[in-house]
N, C-alpha and C. Protein backbone atom coordinates (compact mmCIF):
# COMPACT_ATOMS: atom_id res chain seq x y z
N UNK A 1 11.58 19.33 9.66
CA UNK A 1 10.49 19.76 8.81
C UNK A 1 9.74 20.87 9.54
N UNK A 2 9.56 21.99 8.89
CA UNK A 2 8.83 23.10 9.49
C UNK A 2 7.40 23.09 8.99
N UNK A 3 6.48 23.75 9.72
CA UNK A 3 5.09 23.78 9.27
C UNK A 3 4.90 24.36 7.87
N UNK A 4 5.78 25.26 7.45
CA UNK A 4 5.63 25.83 6.11
C UNK A 4 6.01 24.84 5.02
N UNK A 5 6.81 23.84 5.36
CA UNK A 5 7.19 22.83 4.37
C UNK A 5 6.12 21.77 4.20
N UNK A 6 5.22 21.67 5.16
CA UNK A 6 4.22 20.62 5.14
C UNK A 6 3.03 21.07 4.29
N UNK A 7 2.72 20.32 3.28
CA UNK A 7 1.58 20.67 2.42
C UNK A 7 0.38 19.78 2.71
N UNK A 8 0.53 18.53 2.54
CA UNK A 8 -0.58 17.61 2.77
C UNK A 8 0.00 16.25 3.11
N UNK A 9 -0.57 15.66 4.12
CA UNK A 9 -0.14 14.32 4.52
C UNK A 9 -1.19 13.32 4.10
N UNK A 10 -0.74 12.17 3.76
CA UNK A 10 -1.63 11.06 3.48
C UNK A 10 -1.42 10.03 4.56
N UNK A 11 -2.45 9.76 5.32
CA UNK A 11 -2.34 8.75 6.36
C UNK A 11 -3.08 7.51 5.91
N UNK A 12 -2.45 6.39 5.96
CA UNK A 12 -3.10 5.12 5.65
C UNK A 12 -3.26 4.41 6.97
N UNK A 13 -4.51 4.27 7.39
CA UNK A 13 -4.78 3.71 8.71
C UNK A 13 -5.62 2.46 8.59
N UNK A 14 -5.41 1.56 9.49
CA UNK A 14 -6.21 0.36 9.50
C UNK A 14 -5.82 -0.53 10.66
N UNK A 15 -6.45 -1.66 10.72
CA UNK A 15 -6.08 -2.62 11.76
C UNK A 15 -5.93 -3.98 11.11
N UNK A 16 -5.12 -4.80 11.71
CA UNK A 16 -4.92 -6.16 11.23
C UNK A 16 -4.88 -7.07 12.44
N UNK A 17 -5.84 -7.94 12.52
CA UNK A 17 -5.99 -8.86 13.65
C UNK A 17 -6.00 -8.11 14.97
N UNK A 18 -4.89 -8.08 15.67
CA UNK A 18 -4.89 -7.46 16.99
C UNK A 18 -3.96 -6.25 17.07
N UNK A 19 -3.70 -5.62 15.92
CA UNK A 19 -2.84 -4.44 15.91
C UNK A 19 -3.44 -3.36 15.03
N UNK A 20 -3.28 -2.12 15.46
CA UNK A 20 -3.58 -0.98 14.61
C UNK A 20 -2.33 -0.61 13.85
N UNK A 21 -2.44 -0.42 12.55
CA UNK A 21 -1.28 -0.13 11.71
C UNK A 21 -1.52 1.15 10.92
N UNK A 22 -0.54 2.04 10.89
CA UNK A 22 -0.70 3.29 10.17
C UNK A 22 0.62 3.73 9.55
N UNK A 23 0.50 4.42 8.43
CA UNK A 23 1.67 4.95 7.72
C UNK A 23 1.41 6.43 7.47
N UNK A 24 2.40 7.26 7.72
CA UNK A 24 2.32 8.68 7.42
C UNK A 24 3.21 8.94 6.22
N UNK A 25 2.62 9.48 5.15
CA UNK A 25 3.40 9.77 3.95
C UNK A 25 3.19 11.22 3.53
N UNK A 26 4.14 11.73 2.81
CA UNK A 26 4.03 13.06 2.22
C UNK A 26 4.62 12.99 0.83
N UNK A 27 3.82 13.39 -0.17
CA UNK A 27 4.24 13.34 -1.57
C UNK A 27 4.74 11.95 -1.96
N UNK A 28 4.08 10.91 -1.45
CA UNK A 28 4.43 9.55 -1.80
C UNK A 28 5.61 8.95 -1.05
N UNK A 29 6.22 9.71 -0.18
CA UNK A 29 7.38 9.23 0.59
C UNK A 29 6.94 8.93 2.03
N UNK A 30 7.39 7.81 2.56
CA UNK A 30 7.05 7.44 3.93
C UNK A 30 7.81 8.32 4.91
N UNK A 31 7.07 8.85 5.88
CA UNK A 31 7.68 9.66 6.93
C UNK A 31 7.76 8.87 8.23
N UNK A 32 6.68 8.14 8.55
CA UNK A 32 6.67 7.40 9.81
C UNK A 32 5.68 6.25 9.74
N UNK A 33 5.92 5.27 10.58
CA UNK A 33 5.01 4.15 10.79
C UNK A 33 4.62 4.14 12.26
N UNK A 34 3.46 3.63 12.55
CA UNK A 34 3.06 3.42 13.94
C UNK A 34 2.14 2.21 14.00
N UNK A 35 2.26 1.46 15.08
CA UNK A 35 1.34 0.36 15.31
C UNK A 35 1.18 0.19 16.81
N UNK A 36 0.10 -0.41 17.20
CA UNK A 36 -0.10 -0.73 18.61
C UNK A 36 -1.04 -1.91 18.70
N UNK A 37 -0.88 -2.68 19.76
CA UNK A 37 -1.77 -3.81 20.01
C UNK A 37 -3.10 -3.29 20.52
N UNK A 38 -4.15 -3.99 20.15
CA UNK A 38 -5.46 -3.63 20.67
C UNK A 38 -5.53 -3.95 22.15
N UNK A 39 -6.24 -3.10 22.87
CA UNK A 39 -6.46 -3.38 24.29
C UNK A 39 -7.51 -4.48 24.41
N UNK A 40 -7.57 -5.06 25.58
CA UNK A 40 -8.45 -6.21 25.80
C UNK A 40 -9.91 -5.89 25.43
N UNK A 41 -10.40 -4.73 25.84
CA UNK A 41 -11.79 -4.37 25.56
C UNK A 41 -12.02 -4.00 24.09
N UNK A 42 -10.98 -3.60 23.38
CA UNK A 42 -11.13 -3.21 21.98
C UNK A 42 -11.31 -4.41 21.05
N UNK A 43 -10.95 -5.58 21.50
CA UNK A 43 -11.06 -6.77 20.65
C UNK A 43 -12.51 -7.10 20.30
N UNK A 44 -13.46 -6.58 21.07
CA UNK A 44 -14.87 -6.81 20.81
C UNK A 44 -15.51 -5.72 19.96
N UNK A 45 -14.75 -4.71 19.57
CA UNK A 45 -15.29 -3.61 18.77
C UNK A 45 -15.66 -4.12 17.37
N UNK A 46 -16.70 -3.52 16.77
CA UNK A 46 -16.98 -3.84 15.36
C UNK A 46 -15.83 -3.34 14.47
N UNK A 47 -15.77 -3.85 13.26
CA UNK A 47 -14.68 -3.54 12.34
C UNK A 47 -14.55 -2.05 12.07
N UNK A 48 -15.67 -1.38 11.81
CA UNK A 48 -15.58 0.05 11.50
C UNK A 48 -15.09 0.85 12.71
N UNK A 49 -15.40 0.41 13.93
CA UNK A 49 -14.88 1.08 15.12
C UNK A 49 -13.37 0.89 15.25
N UNK A 50 -12.89 -0.29 14.90
CA UNK A 50 -11.44 -0.54 14.94
C UNK A 50 -10.70 0.33 13.94
N UNK A 51 -11.28 0.50 12.76
CA UNK A 51 -10.67 1.37 11.75
C UNK A 51 -10.63 2.81 12.25
N UNK A 52 -11.73 3.27 12.84
CA UNK A 52 -11.77 4.63 13.35
C UNK A 52 -10.84 4.79 14.56
N UNK A 53 -10.70 3.75 15.36
CA UNK A 53 -9.76 3.79 16.49
C UNK A 53 -8.33 3.99 15.99
N UNK A 54 -7.99 3.36 14.87
CA UNK A 54 -6.66 3.54 14.28
C UNK A 54 -6.46 4.99 13.84
N UNK A 55 -7.49 5.58 13.25
CA UNK A 55 -7.42 6.98 12.81
C UNK A 55 -7.22 7.89 14.02
N UNK A 56 -8.00 7.68 15.07
CA UNK A 56 -7.91 8.51 16.27
C UNK A 56 -6.53 8.37 16.91
N UNK A 57 -6.02 7.16 16.96
CA UNK A 57 -4.68 6.94 17.54
C UNK A 57 -3.62 7.70 16.75
N UNK A 58 -3.72 7.66 15.44
CA UNK A 58 -2.77 8.37 14.58
C UNK A 58 -2.85 9.88 14.81
N UNK A 59 -4.05 10.41 14.91
CA UNK A 59 -4.19 11.85 15.12
C UNK A 59 -3.59 12.28 16.45
N UNK A 60 -3.70 11.44 17.45
CA UNK A 60 -3.10 11.77 18.75
C UNK A 60 -1.57 11.68 18.71
N UNK A 61 -1.05 10.64 18.07
CA UNK A 61 0.40 10.44 18.02
C UNK A 61 1.09 11.48 17.14
N UNK A 62 0.52 11.76 15.98
CA UNK A 62 1.16 12.65 15.01
C UNK A 62 0.53 14.04 14.97
N UNK A 63 -0.08 14.48 16.06
CA UNK A 63 -0.78 15.76 16.06
C UNK A 63 0.15 16.93 15.70
N UNK A 64 1.41 16.87 16.09
CA UNK A 64 2.34 17.95 15.79
C UNK A 64 2.61 18.06 14.29
N UNK A 65 2.43 16.99 13.53
CA UNK A 65 2.55 17.05 12.08
C UNK A 65 1.23 17.44 11.42
N UNK A 66 0.11 16.98 11.98
CA UNK A 66 -1.16 17.01 11.28
C UNK A 66 -2.06 18.19 11.63
N UNK A 67 -1.83 18.83 12.75
CA UNK A 67 -2.73 19.90 13.17
C UNK A 67 -2.54 21.14 12.30
N UNK A 68 -3.63 21.64 11.77
CA UNK A 68 -3.60 22.87 11.00
C UNK A 68 -3.39 22.70 9.50
N UNK A 69 -3.26 21.47 9.02
CA UNK A 69 -3.13 21.24 7.59
C UNK A 69 -4.21 20.26 7.14
N UNK A 70 -4.42 20.18 5.85
CA UNK A 70 -5.38 19.23 5.30
C UNK A 70 -4.76 17.84 5.32
N UNK A 71 -5.51 16.89 5.89
CA UNK A 71 -5.03 15.52 6.01
C UNK A 71 -5.98 14.60 5.27
N UNK A 72 -5.47 13.82 4.33
CA UNK A 72 -6.24 12.80 3.64
C UNK A 72 -5.96 11.47 4.31
N UNK A 73 -7.01 10.83 4.81
CA UNK A 73 -6.87 9.52 5.44
C UNK A 73 -7.54 8.50 4.54
N UNK A 74 -6.76 7.53 4.10
CA UNK A 74 -7.28 6.48 3.23
C UNK A 74 -7.60 5.25 4.05
N UNK A 75 -8.79 4.70 3.83
CA UNK A 75 -9.20 3.49 4.50
C UNK A 75 -9.93 2.61 3.50
N UNK A 76 -9.92 1.32 3.71
CA UNK A 76 -10.64 0.43 2.82
C UNK A 76 -12.02 0.08 3.37
N UNK A 77 -12.47 0.81 4.39
CA UNK A 77 -13.83 0.66 4.90
C UNK A 77 -14.63 1.88 4.46
N UNK A 78 -15.44 1.70 3.45
CA UNK A 78 -16.18 2.81 2.85
C UNK A 78 -17.12 3.50 3.84
N UNK A 79 -17.59 2.76 4.83
CA UNK A 79 -18.54 3.31 5.79
C UNK A 79 -17.95 4.49 6.58
N UNK A 80 -16.64 4.55 6.73
CA UNK A 80 -16.03 5.65 7.48
C UNK A 80 -16.20 6.99 6.78
N UNK A 81 -16.43 6.99 5.48
CA UNK A 81 -16.68 8.24 4.77
C UNK A 81 -17.95 8.91 5.26
N UNK A 82 -18.89 8.13 5.75
CA UNK A 82 -20.21 8.64 6.11
C UNK A 82 -20.40 8.77 7.61
N UNK A 83 -19.35 8.63 8.38
CA UNK A 83 -19.47 8.63 9.84
C UNK A 83 -19.95 9.98 10.37
N UNK A 84 -19.62 11.08 9.69
CA UNK A 84 -20.04 12.40 10.16
C UNK A 84 -21.53 12.64 9.93
N UNK A 85 -22.17 11.84 9.11
CA UNK A 85 -23.59 12.03 8.79
C UNK A 85 -24.52 11.15 9.61
N UNK A 86 -23.98 10.36 10.53
CA UNK A 86 -24.80 9.45 11.32
C UNK A 86 -25.67 10.22 12.31
N UNK A 87 -26.90 9.75 12.48
CA UNK A 87 -27.81 10.40 13.42
C UNK A 87 -27.61 9.91 14.85
N UNK A 88 -27.42 8.63 15.02
CA UNK A 88 -27.28 8.06 16.35
C UNK A 88 -25.90 7.42 16.49
N UNK A 89 -25.16 7.89 17.48
CA UNK A 89 -23.83 7.37 17.75
C UNK A 89 -23.70 7.05 19.23
N UNK A 90 -22.89 6.06 19.55
CA UNK A 90 -22.63 5.81 20.97
C UNK A 90 -21.62 6.84 21.49
N UNK A 91 -21.41 6.85 22.79
CA UNK A 91 -20.56 7.88 23.39
C UNK A 91 -19.11 7.80 22.91
N UNK A 92 -18.62 6.60 22.69
CA UNK A 92 -17.25 6.44 22.21
C UNK A 92 -17.08 7.11 20.85
N UNK A 93 -18.01 6.84 19.93
CA UNK A 93 -17.93 7.45 18.60
C UNK A 93 -18.10 8.96 18.67
N UNK A 94 -18.95 9.44 19.56
CA UNK A 94 -19.12 10.89 19.73
C UNK A 94 -17.81 11.54 20.16
N UNK A 95 -17.11 10.92 21.11
CA UNK A 95 -15.81 11.44 21.56
C UNK A 95 -14.82 11.47 20.41
N UNK A 96 -14.78 10.39 19.65
CA UNK A 96 -13.83 10.32 18.54
C UNK A 96 -14.15 11.34 17.46
N UNK A 97 -15.43 11.54 17.18
CA UNK A 97 -15.79 12.53 16.16
C UNK A 97 -15.46 13.94 16.60
N UNK A 98 -15.59 14.22 17.89
CA UNK A 98 -15.18 15.53 18.40
C UNK A 98 -13.69 15.75 18.19
N UNK A 99 -12.90 14.72 18.39
CA UNK A 99 -11.46 14.83 18.14
C UNK A 99 -11.19 15.05 16.65
N UNK A 100 -11.89 14.32 15.79
CA UNK A 100 -11.71 14.46 14.34
C UNK A 100 -12.06 15.86 13.86
N UNK A 101 -13.04 16.49 14.50
CA UNK A 101 -13.47 17.83 14.09
C UNK A 101 -12.41 18.89 14.38
N UNK A 102 -11.46 18.59 15.26
CA UNK A 102 -10.38 19.53 15.54
C UNK A 102 -9.36 19.59 14.41
N UNK A 103 -9.39 18.62 13.52
CA UNK A 103 -8.44 18.52 12.42
C UNK A 103 -9.16 18.74 11.09
N UNK A 104 -8.40 19.13 10.09
CA UNK A 104 -8.93 19.26 8.73
C UNK A 104 -8.72 17.91 8.03
N UNK A 105 -9.65 16.98 8.30
CA UNK A 105 -9.50 15.59 7.87
C UNK A 105 -10.49 15.26 6.76
N UNK A 106 -10.00 14.62 5.72
CA UNK A 106 -10.84 14.03 4.68
C UNK A 106 -10.62 12.53 4.72
N UNK A 107 -11.69 11.78 4.98
CA UNK A 107 -11.59 10.33 4.99
C UNK A 107 -11.99 9.83 3.61
N UNK A 108 -11.07 9.17 2.93
CA UNK A 108 -11.27 8.74 1.55
C UNK A 108 -11.24 7.22 1.46
N UNK A 109 -12.06 6.70 0.58
CA UNK A 109 -12.12 5.25 0.37
C UNK A 109 -11.02 4.82 -0.58
N UNK A 110 -10.28 3.82 -0.18
CA UNK A 110 -9.22 3.23 -1.00
C UNK A 110 -9.47 1.73 -1.02
N UNK A 111 -9.96 1.18 -2.12
CA UNK A 111 -10.33 -0.24 -2.15
C UNK A 111 -9.21 -1.16 -1.67
N UNK A 112 -9.60 -2.17 -0.92
CA UNK A 112 -8.63 -3.08 -0.33
C UNK A 112 -7.78 -3.83 -1.34
N UNK A 113 -8.34 -4.13 -2.51
CA UNK A 113 -7.57 -4.91 -3.50
C UNK A 113 -6.45 -4.10 -4.15
N UNK A 114 -6.48 -2.78 -4.05
CA UNK A 114 -5.39 -1.96 -4.59
C UNK A 114 -4.55 -1.32 -3.49
N UNK A 115 -4.86 -1.63 -2.25
CA UNK A 115 -4.15 -1.04 -1.12
C UNK A 115 -2.92 -1.87 -0.79
N UNK A 116 -1.85 -1.65 -1.53
CA UNK A 116 -0.63 -2.44 -1.35
C UNK A 116 0.09 -2.11 -0.05
N UNK A 117 -0.10 -0.90 0.46
CA UNK A 117 0.55 -0.53 1.72
C UNK A 117 -0.01 -1.35 2.87
N UNK A 118 -1.32 -1.52 2.90
CA UNK A 118 -1.93 -2.33 3.97
C UNK A 118 -1.46 -3.77 3.89
N UNK A 119 -1.32 -4.29 2.68
CA UNK A 119 -0.82 -5.66 2.52
C UNK A 119 0.62 -5.78 3.01
N UNK A 120 1.42 -4.78 2.72
CA UNK A 120 2.81 -4.83 3.16
C UNK A 120 2.94 -4.74 4.67
N UNK A 121 2.08 -3.94 5.30
CA UNK A 121 2.14 -3.80 6.75
C UNK A 121 1.67 -5.05 7.47
N UNK A 122 0.68 -5.72 6.92
CA UNK A 122 0.15 -6.90 7.60
C UNK A 122 1.01 -8.10 7.31
């Protein structure tokens, strides 16, 4: 796949219990899956931080696909849509947001009850 063939990727990111789970799709077709176990210190993160950690992990792993194009990331945590508007963030979130700003990312809400991909992965 060349960069000219890539139009828009849809990343479905999330976490389930002790694993981050993500799917990379293009035009409704699955291109890749990725998952990883949470590290010991990450198990104490709040839910929205775990969701954002999955997004950050995906951007690092699939950067050669995602850099320079518009990326739609679907999550069932609505709060992630507003993460760029927060006034006070801890250092971890600041680092992650700096990484997100390097990409053309749109974080979109996808209700959990219609998110069949997340159900299939978990």
